[in-house]
Amino acid sequence: MATHAPATTGPTPAEVLQRLSEGNQRFVAGTPAAKDLVHRRQELASGQHPVAVIVTCSDSRVCPEYIFDQSLGDLFVIRTAGNVVDDVELGSIEYAVEHLHSHLIVVLGHTACGAVTAACTPHPPATTGTAATPAATAEHADHKVKKDKKDKKDKSKKHAEEEGHGHAEEAKLESILTLLHQIAIDSGNNVDTAIDLNAKAVAGIIMRNHVIAPLVTNHTVQVVPMKYNLATGMVLAVL
């Protein structure tokens, strides 16, 4: 299948990141920019050109358009519990980069993440392991995405067919926790550390994607792990 190369025109990843940073500062200060949503909605009826992809959590308290003080059509938002990614999410990211020409991808974790907290809650018998580097954690998470995708689909299908939709949803939750399990081990079950490691690991998976990797190499696209503080409203890079 033919691919569409991202446009080289438009704002650079650094410029978009600065725009999001300034928007977050306005959000924290409670001074959002004025927005003509009616006019903007009419503009977008003919197409969209989001400046950034935001991969974040499904948590209702995490709303990227508010957090970065952006308007309709500015952000291509992908939300999953624990901001994890598999083939479906990666496909959406590829679409945003190739067809919508978004040059910045932000993996946005947040404090007090329920999915990460659940993964860090000991469940005997617990699997033990030695602490790994963030790169090793990302590699493990990447491997789990590839290894588990067929089993996950088969399990979801089987549960849906044999036991109904509720069990399929339970299988999905289990798969999310599986992806987060190694990260929890590497963090010593420390939730705050695991949230950071998770954002880095997901960013690593995205950067190794066959569509995204060459664009990261030539600096056309940038992938940035970040964390949103629920209490302060601030977004900071995860280093």
C-alpha atoms as a PDB file:
ATOM      1  CA  MET A   1       0.000   0.000   0.000  1.00  0.00           C
ATOM      2  CA  ALA A   2       1.367   3.398  -0.950  1.00  0.00           C
ATOM      3  CA  THR A   3       2.208   5.803   1.821  1.00  0.00           C
ATOM      4  CA  HIS A   4       1.957   9.577   1.863  1.00  0.00           C
ATOM      5  CA  ALA A   5       5.038  11.440   3.018  1.00  0.00           C
ATOM      6  CA  PRO A   6       4.380  14.154   5.603  1.00  0.00           C
ATOM      7  CA  ALA A   7       4.468  17.690   4.297  1.00  0.00           C
ATOM      8  CA  THR A   8       7.735  19.471   5.034  1.00  0.00           C
ATOM      9  CA  THR A   9       6.001  22.842   5.296  1.00  0.00           C
ATOM     10  CA  GLY A  10       4.206  24.112   8.365  1.00  0.00           C
ATOM     11  CA  PRO A  11       5.484  24.523  11.907  1.00  0.00           C
ATOM     12  CA  THR A  12       8.435  22.467  13.077  1.00  0.00           C
ATOM     13  CA  PRO A  13       8.065  20.049  15.998  1.00  0.00           C
ATOM     14  CA  ALA A  14       9.934  22.538  18.203  1.00  0.00           C
ATOM     15  CA  GLU A  15       7.566  25.344  17.226  1.00  0.00           C
ATOM     16  CA  VAL A  16       4.518  23.195  17.953  1.00  0.00           C
ATOM     17  CA  LEU A  17       5.972  22.138  21.305  1.00  0.00           C
ATOM     18  CA  GLN A  18       6.485  25.802  22.184  1.00  0.00           C
ATOM     19  CA  ARG A  19       2.892  26.545  21.193  1.00  0.00           C
ATOM     20  CA  LEU A  20       1.624  23.776  23.471  1.00  0.00           C
ATOM     21  CA  SER A  21       3.845  24.981  26.309  1.00  0.00           C
ATOM     22  CA  GLU A  22       2.493  28.506  26.027  1.00  0.00           C
ATOM     23  CA  GLY A  23      -1.051  27.153  25.914  1.00  0.00           C
ATOM     24  CA  ASN A  24      -0.434  25.126  29.056  1.00  0.00           C
ATOM     25  CA  GLN A  25       0.873  28.215  30.816  1.00  0.00           C
ATOM     26  CA  ARG A  26      -2.380  30.003  29.964  1.00  0.00           C
ATOM     27  CA  PHE A  27      -4.368  27.018  31.243  1.00  0.00           C
ATOM     28  CA  VAL A  28      -2.480  26.993  34.550  1.00  0.00           C
ATOM     29  CA  ALA A  29      -2.970  30.743  34.948  1.00  0.00           C
ATOM     30  CA  GLY A  30      -6.659  30.549  34.073  1.00  0.00           C
ATOM     31  CA  THR A  31      -6.268  32.937  31.145  1.00  0.00           C
ATOM     32  CA  PRO A  32      -7.269  30.944  28.040  1.00  0.00           C
ATOM     33  CA  ALA A  33      -7.099  32.545  24.616  1.00  0.00           C
ATOM     34  CA  ALA A  34     -10.355  33.745  23.079  1.00  0.00           C
ATOM     35  CA  LYS A  35     -11.816  31.276  20.573  1.00  0.00           C
ATOM     36  CA  ASP A  36     -14.480  31.769  17.915  1.00  0.00           C
ATOM     37  CA  LEU A  37     -15.720  28.184  17.905  1.00  0.00           C
ATOM     38  CA  VAL A  38     -18.543  28.819  15.446  1.00  0.00           C
ATOM     39  CA  HIS A  39     -16.173  30.231  12.825  1.00  0.00           C
ATOM     40  CA  ARG A  40     -13.581  27.554  13.569  1.00  0.00           C
ATOM     41  CA  ARG A  41     -16.164  24.788  13.224  1.00  0.00           C
ATOM     42  CA  GLN A  42     -17.154  26.106   9.806  1.00  0.00           C
ATOM     43  CA  GLU A  43     -13.501  26.271   8.731  1.00  0.00           C
ATOM     44  CA  LEU A  44     -12.952  22.651   9.694  1.00  0.00           C
ATOM     45  CA  ALA A  45     -15.940  21.344   7.763  1.00  0.00           C
ATOM     46  CA  SER A  46     -13.723  20.996   4.674  1.00  0.00           C
ATOM     47  CA  GLY A  47     -10.750  19.297   6.364  1.00  0.00           C
ATOM     48  CA  GLN A  48      -8.416  19.096   9.335  1.00  0.00           C
ATOM     49  CA  HIS A  49      -4.743  19.856   9.860  1.00  0.00           C
ATOM     50  CA  PRO A  50      -3.929  19.145  13.527  1.00  0.00           C
ATOM     51  CA  VAL A  51      -0.517  20.423  14.580  1.00  0.00           C
ATOM     52  CA  ALA A  52       0.122  17.614  17.071  1.00  0.00           C
ATOM     53  CA  VAL A  53      -0.848  14.073  17.991  1.00  0.00           C
ATOM     54  CA  ILE A  54      -1.582  13.597  21.689  1.00  0.00           C
ATOM     55  CA  VAL A  55      -1.531  10.018  22.985  1.00  0.00           C
ATOM     56  CA  THR A  56      -3.025  10.182  26.451  1.00  0.00           C
ATOM     57  CA  CYS A  57      -5.150   8.455  29.048  1.00  0.00           C
ATOM     58  CA  SER A  58      -8.913   7.948  28.934  1.00  0.00           C
ATOM     59  CA  ASP A  59      -9.158   9.556  32.389  1.00  0.00           C
ATOM     60  CA  SER A  60     -11.960  12.152  32.295  1.00  0.00           C
ATOM     61  CA  ARG A  61      -9.740  14.669  34.093  1.00  0.00           C
ATOM     62  CA  VAL A  62      -7.226  14.706  31.232  1.00  0.00           C
ATOM     63  CA  CYS A  63      -8.544  16.868  28.374  1.00  0.00           C
ATOM     64  CA  PRO A  64      -5.696  17.867  26.030  1.00  0.00           C
ATOM     65  CA  GLU A  65      -7.592  20.674  24.284  1.00  0.00           C
ATOM     66  CA  TYR A  66      -8.095  22.367  27.665  1.00  0.00           C
ATOM     67  CA  ILE A  67      -4.693  21.469  29.094  1.00  0.00           C
ATOM     68  CA  PHE A  68      -2.853  22.974  26.106  1.00  0.00           C
ATOM     69  CA  ASP A  69      -5.471  25.701  25.490  1.00  0.00           C
ATOM     70  CA  GLN A  70      -6.060  24.658  21.889  1.00  0.00           C
ATOM     71  CA  SER A  71      -9.175  24.821  19.759  1.00  0.00           C
ATOM     72  CA  LEU A  72     -11.189  22.555  17.496  1.00  0.00           C
ATOM     73  CA  GLY A  73      -9.025  20.787  14.936  1.00  0.00           C
ATOM     74  CA  ASP A  74      -5.699  21.667  16.565  1.00  0.00           C
ATOM     75  CA  LEU A  75      -4.973  18.312  18.192  1.00  0.00           C
ATOM     76  CA  PHE A  76      -5.346  14.722  16.986  1.00  0.00           C
ATOM     77  CA  VAL A  77      -6.122  12.992  20.284  1.00  0.00           C
ATOM     78  CA  ILE A  78      -5.806   9.239  20.921  1.00  0.00           C
ATOM     79  CA  ARG A  79      -6.989   8.069  24.338  1.00  0.00           C
ATOM     80  CA  THR A  80      -6.604   4.697  26.022  1.00  0.00           C
ATOM     81  CA  ALA A  81      -6.468   3.631  29.651  1.00  0.00           C
ATOM     82  CA  GLY A  82      -2.879   4.159  30.795  1.00  0.00           C
ATOM     83  CA  ASN A  83      -2.022   5.818  27.418  1.00  0.00           C
ATOM     84  CA  VAL A  84      -0.803   2.465  26.096  1.00  0.00           C
ATOM     85  CA  VAL A  85      -0.648   1.722  22.375  1.00  0.00           C
ATOM     86  CA  ASP A  86      -1.146  -1.326  20.180  1.00  0.00           C
ATOM     87  CA  ASP A  87      -1.732  -1.766  16.453  1.00  0.00           C
ATOM     88  CA  VAL A  88      -4.967   0.234  16.432  1.00  0.00           C
ATOM     89  CA  GLU A  89      -3.440   3.279  18.130  1.00  0.00           C
ATOM     90  CA  LEU A  90      -0.253   3.039  16.067  1.00  0.00           C
ATOM     91  CA  GLY A  91      -2.337   2.976  12.910  1.00  0.00           C
ATOM     92  CA  SER A  92      -4.090   6.159  13.995  1.00  0.00           C
ATOM     93  CA  ILE A  93      -0.749   7.835  14.674  1.00  0.00           C
ATOM     94  CA  GLU A  94       0.514   6.795  11.246  1.00  0.00           C
ATOM     95  CA  TYR A  95      -2.595   8.319   9.678  1.00  0.00           C
ATOM     96  CA  ALA A  96      -2.126  11.629  11.493  1.00  0.00           C
ATOM     97  CA  VAL A  97       1.523  11.865  10.450  1.00  0.00           C
ATOM     98  CA  GLU A  98       1.191  10.654   6.860  1.00  0.00           C
ATOM     99  CA  HIS A  99      -2.147  12.163   5.850  1.00  0.00           C
ATOM    100  CA  LEU A 100      -2.751  15.065   8.239  1.00  0.00           C
ATOM    101  CA  HIS A 101       0.921  16.099   8.420  1.00  0.00           C
ATOM    102  CA  SER A 102       1.216  16.354  12.196  1.00  0.00           C
ATOM    103  CA  HIS A 103       4.906  16.698  13.092  1.00  0.00           C
ATOM    104  CA  LEU A 104       4.774  16.424  16.879  1.00  0.00           C
ATOM    105  CA  ILE A 105       3.636  13.377  18.878  1.00  0.00           C
ATOM    106  CA  VAL A 106       3.174  13.845  22.616  1.00  0.00           C
ATOM    107  CA  VAL A 107       2.740  10.859  24.923  1.00  0.00           C
ATOM    108  CA  LEU A 108       0.931  12.442  27.851  1.00  0.00           C
ATOM    109  CA  GLY A 109       0.820  10.524  31.113  1.00  0.00           C
ATOM    110  CA  HIS A 110      -0.654  12.026  34.249  1.00  0.00           C
ATOM    111  CA  THR A 111      -0.366  11.876  38.010  1.00  0.00           C
ATOM    112  CA  ALA A 112      -2.561   9.396  39.905  1.00  0.00           C
ATOM    113  CA  CYS A 113      -3.161   7.300  36.776  1.00  0.00           C
ATOM    114  CA  GLY A 114      -5.595   4.537  37.690  1.00  0.00           C
ATOM    115  CA  ALA A 115      -4.272   2.023  35.147  1.00  0.00           C
ATOM    116  CA  VAL A 116      -0.677   2.457  36.282  1.00  0.00           C
ATOM    117  CA  THR A 117      -1.727   2.346  39.937  1.00  0.00           C
ATOM    118  CA  ALA A 118      -3.541  -0.945  39.315  1.00  0.00           C
ATOM    119  CA  ALA A 119      -0.454  -2.392  37.612  1.00  0.00           C
ATOM    120  CA  CYS A 120       1.695  -1.354  40.578  1.00  0.00           C
ATOM    121  CA  THR A 121      -0.617  -3.013  43.105  1.00  0.00           C
ATOM    122  CA  PRO A 122       0.988  -6.327  44.127  1.00  0.00           C
ATOM    123  CA  HIS A 123      -0.910  -9.422  43.058  1.00  0.00           C
ATOM    124  CA  PRO A 124       0.518 -12.595  44.621  1.00  0.00           C
ATOM    125  CA  PRO A 125       2.198 -14.584  43.352  1.00  0.00           C
ATOM    126  CA  ALA A 126       4.105 -11.607  41.969  1.00  0.00           C
ATOM    127  CA  THR A 127       6.715 -11.994  39.274  1.00  0.00           C
ATOM    128  CA  THR A 128      10.011 -10.565  40.390  1.00  0.00           C
ATOM    129  CA  GLY A 129      12.652  -9.018  38.219  1.00  0.00           C
ATOM    130  CA  THR A 130      15.633  -6.743  38.307  1.00  0.00           C
ATOM    131  CA  ALA A 131      15.330  -3.057  37.520  1.00  0.00           C
ATOM    132  CA  ALA A 132      15.799  -2.218  33.862  1.00  0.00           C
ATOM    133  CA  THR A 133      16.791   0.926  32.035  1.00  0.00           C
ATOM    134  CA  PRO A 134      14.024   2.995  30.389  1.00  0.00           C
ATOM    135  CA  ALA A 135      15.282   1.757  27.012  1.00  0.00           C
ATOM    136  CA  ALA A 136      15.005  -1.853  28.143  1.00  0.00           C
ATOM    137  CA  THR A 137      11.544  -1.177  29.528  1.00  0.00           C
ATOM    138  CA  ALA A 138      10.461   0.337  26.226  1.00  0.00           C
ATOM    139  CA  GLU A 139      11.918  -2.626  24.346  1.00  0.00           C
ATOM    140  CA  HIS A 140      10.023  -5.031  26.591  1.00  0.00           C
ATOM    141  CA  ALA A 141       6.785  -3.096  26.156  1.00  0.00           C
ATOM    142  CA  ASP A 142       7.314  -3.059  22.390  1.00  0.00           C
ATOM    143  CA  HIS A 143       7.841  -6.820  22.430  1.00  0.00           C
ATOM    144  CA  LYS A 144       4.684  -7.306  24.489  1.00  0.00           C
ATOM    145  CA  VAL A 145       2.633  -5.292  21.999  1.00  0.00           C
ATOM    146  CA  LYS A 146       3.771  -7.554  19.163  1.00  0.00           C
ATOM    147  CA  LYS A 147       3.617 -10.796  21.124  1.00  0.00           C
ATOM    148  CA  ASP A 148       0.223 -10.239  22.694  1.00  0.00           C
ATOM    149  CA  LYS A 149      -1.720  -8.728  19.804  1.00  0.00           C
ATOM    150  CA  LYS A 150      -2.892 -12.042  18.307  1.00  0.00           C
ATOM    151  CA  ASP A 151      -3.682 -13.595  21.685  1.00  0.00           C
ATOM    152  CA  LYS A 152      -5.470 -10.439  22.743  1.00  0.00           C
ATOM    153  CA  LYS A 153      -7.647 -10.436  19.632  1.00  0.00           C
ATOM    154  CA  ASP A 154      -8.354 -14.155  19.956  1.00  0.00           C
ATOM    155  CA  LYS A 155      -9.220 -13.818  23.634  1.00  0.00           C
ATOM    156  CA  SER A 156     -11.438 -10.808  23.024  1.00  0.00           C
ATOM    157  CA  LYS A 157     -13.241 -12.611  20.220  1.00  0.00           C
ATOM    158  CA  LYS A 158     -13.656 -15.775  22.259  1.00  0.00           C
ATOM    159  CA  HIS A 159     -14.947 -13.896  25.288  1.00  0.00           C
ATOM    160  CA  ALA A 160     -17.342 -11.868  23.175  1.00  0.00           C
ATOM    161  CA  GLU A 161     -18.700 -14.954  21.429  1.00  0.00           C
ATOM    162  CA  GLU A 162     -18.899 -17.244  24.435  1.00  0.00           C
ATOM    163  CA  GLU A 163     -19.538 -14.977  27.378  1.00  0.00           C
ATOM    164  CA  GLY A 164     -20.680 -11.652  25.986  1.00  0.00           C
ATOM    165  CA  HIS A 165     -19.397  -8.138  25.605  1.00  0.00           C
ATOM    166  CA  GLY A 166     -18.669  -7.639  29.298  1.00  0.00           C
ATOM    167  CA  HIS A 167     -16.019 -10.352  29.272  1.00  0.00           C
ATOM    168  CA  ALA A 168     -14.424  -8.885  26.137  1.00  0.00           C
ATOM    169  CA  GLU A 169     -14.024  -5.606  27.998  1.00  0.00           C
ATOM    170  CA  GLU A 170     -12.503  -7.501  30.910  1.00  0.00           C
ATOM    171  CA  ALA A 171      -9.993  -9.078  28.522  1.00  0.00           C
ATOM    172  CA  LYS A 172      -9.090  -5.617  27.194  1.00  0.00           C
ATOM    173  CA  LEU A 173      -8.426  -4.374  30.726  1.00  0.00           C
ATOM    174  CA  GLU A 174      -6.273  -7.427  31.390  1.00  0.00           C
ATOM    175  CA  SER A 175      -4.228  -6.717  28.267  1.00  0.00           C
ATOM    176  CA  ILE A 176      -3.630  -3.122  29.389  1.00  0.00           C
ATOM    177  CA  LEU A 177      -2.397  -4.319  32.769  1.00  0.00           C
ATOM    178  CA  THR A 178      -0.150  -6.857  31.037  1.00  0.00           C
ATOM    179  CA  LEU A 179       1.509  -4.102  29.031  1.00  0.00           C
ATOM    180  CA  LEU A 180       2.092  -2.134  32.233  1.00  0.00           C
ATOM    181  CA  HIS A 181       3.280  -5.107  34.301  1.00  0.00           C
ATOM    182  CA  GLN A 182       6.990  -4.946  33.398  1.00  0.00           C
ATOM    183  CA  ILE A 183       6.996  -1.192  33.900  1.00  0.00           C
ATOM    184  CA  ALA A 184       5.565  -1.686  37.384  1.00  0.00           C
ATOM    185  CA  ILE A 185       8.337  -4.191  38.151  1.00  0.00           C
ATOM    186  CA  ASP A 186      11.036  -1.837  36.888  1.00  0.00           C
ATOM    187  CA  SER A 187       9.663   0.992  39.014  1.00  0.00           C
ATOM    188  CA  GLY A 188       9.619  -1.137  42.158  1.00  0.00           C
ATOM    189  CA  ASN A 189       5.825  -0.645  42.143  1.00  0.00           C
ATOM    190  CA  ASN A 190       6.340   3.085  42.677  1.00  0.00           C
ATOM    191  CA  VAL A 191       3.393   4.718  40.912  1.00  0.00           C
ATOM    192  CA  ASP A 192       5.046   8.067  40.154  1.00  0.00           C
ATOM    193  CA  THR A 193       8.124   6.385  38.716  1.00  0.00           C
ATOM    194  CA  ALA A 194       6.002   3.941  36.736  1.00  0.00           C
ATOM    195  CA  ILE A 195       3.984   6.781  35.189  1.00  0.00           C
ATOM    196  CA  ASP A 196       7.225   8.316  33.880  1.00  0.00           C
ATOM    197  CA  LEU A 197       8.593   4.975  32.682  1.00  0.00           C
ATOM    198  CA  ASN A 198       5.316   4.223  30.952  1.00  0.00           C
ATOM    199  CA  ALA A 199       5.360   7.508  29.019  1.00  0.00           C
ATOM    200  CA  LYS A 200       8.953   6.822  27.948  1.00  0.00           C
ATOM    201  CA  ALA A 201       8.171   3.239  26.984  1.00  0.00           C
ATOM    202  CA  VAL A 202       5.173   4.217  24.856  1.00  0.00           C
ATOM    203  CA  ALA A 203       7.220   6.975  23.210  1.00  0.00           C
ATOM    204  CA  GLY A 204       9.855   4.340  22.427  1.00  0.00           C
ATOM    205  CA  ILE A 205       7.289   2.048  20.812  1.00  0.00           C
ATOM    206  CA  ILE A 206       6.056   4.892  18.633  1.00  0.00           C
ATOM    207  CA  MET A 207       9.564   5.944  17.626  1.00  0.00           C
ATOM    208  CA  ARG A 208      10.365   2.399  16.461  1.00  0.00           C
ATOM    209  CA  ASN A 209       7.223   2.181  14.323  1.00  0.00           C
ATOM    210  CA  HIS A 210       8.150   1.510  10.687  1.00  0.00           C
ATOM    211  CA  VAL A 211       6.428   4.703   9.497  1.00  0.00           C
ATOM    212  CA  ILE A 212       7.543   6.999  12.314  1.00  0.00           C
ATOM    213  CA  ALA A 213      11.159   5.840  12.763  1.00  0.00           C
ATOM    214  CA  PRO A 214      12.627   7.330   9.550  1.00  0.00           C
ATOM    215  CA  LEU A 215      10.786  10.598  10.157  1.00  0.00           C
ATOM    216  CA  VAL A 216      12.238  10.836  13.655  1.00  0.00           C
ATOM    217  CA  THR A 217      15.685  10.131  12.223  1.00  0.00           C
ATOM    218  CA  ASN A 218      15.452  12.991   9.730  1.00  0.00           C
ATOM    219  CA  HIS A 219      13.909  15.306  12.367  1.00  0.00           C
ATOM    220  CA  THR A 220      10.627  15.722  10.489  1.00  0.00           C
ATOM    221  CA  VAL A 221       8.706  14.260  13.434  1.00  0.00           C
ATOM    222  CA  GLN A 222       9.449  14.431  17.159  1.00  0.00           C
ATOM    223  CA  VAL A 223       8.040  12.157  19.863  1.00  0.00           C
ATOM    224  CA  VAL A 224       7.990  13.626  23.372  1.00  0.00           C
ATOM    225  CA  PRO A 225       6.953  11.897  26.628  1.00  0.00           C
ATOM    226  CA  MET A 226       5.282  14.306  29.066  1.00  0.00           C
ATOM    227  CA  LYS A 227       3.291  14.233  32.299  1.00  0.00           C
ATOM    228  CA  TYR A 228       0.259  16.253  33.352  1.00  0.00           C
ATOM    229  CA  ASN A 229      -0.171  17.150  37.013  1.00  0.00           C
ATOM    230  CA  LEU A 230      -3.839  16.859  37.956  1.00  0.00           C
ATOM    231  CA  ALA A 231      -3.482  19.232  40.911  1.00  0.00           C
ATOM    232  CA  THR A 232      -1.421  22.049  39.394  1.00  0.00           C
ATOM    233  CA  GLY A 233      -2.420  21.731  35.734  1.00  0.00           C
ATOM    234  CA  MET A 234       1.192  21.860  34.666  1.00  0.00           C
ATOM    235  CA  VAL A 235       2.642  19.680  31.904  1.00  0.00           C
ATOM    236  CA  LEU A 236       6.331  18.841  32.071  1.00  0.00           C
ATOM    237  CA  ALA A 237       8.613  16.782  29.874  1.00  0.00           C
ATOM    238  CA  VAL A 238       9.530  13.339  31.222  1.00  0.00           C
ATOM    239  CA  LEU A 239      13.318  13.185  31.211  1.00  0.00           C
END
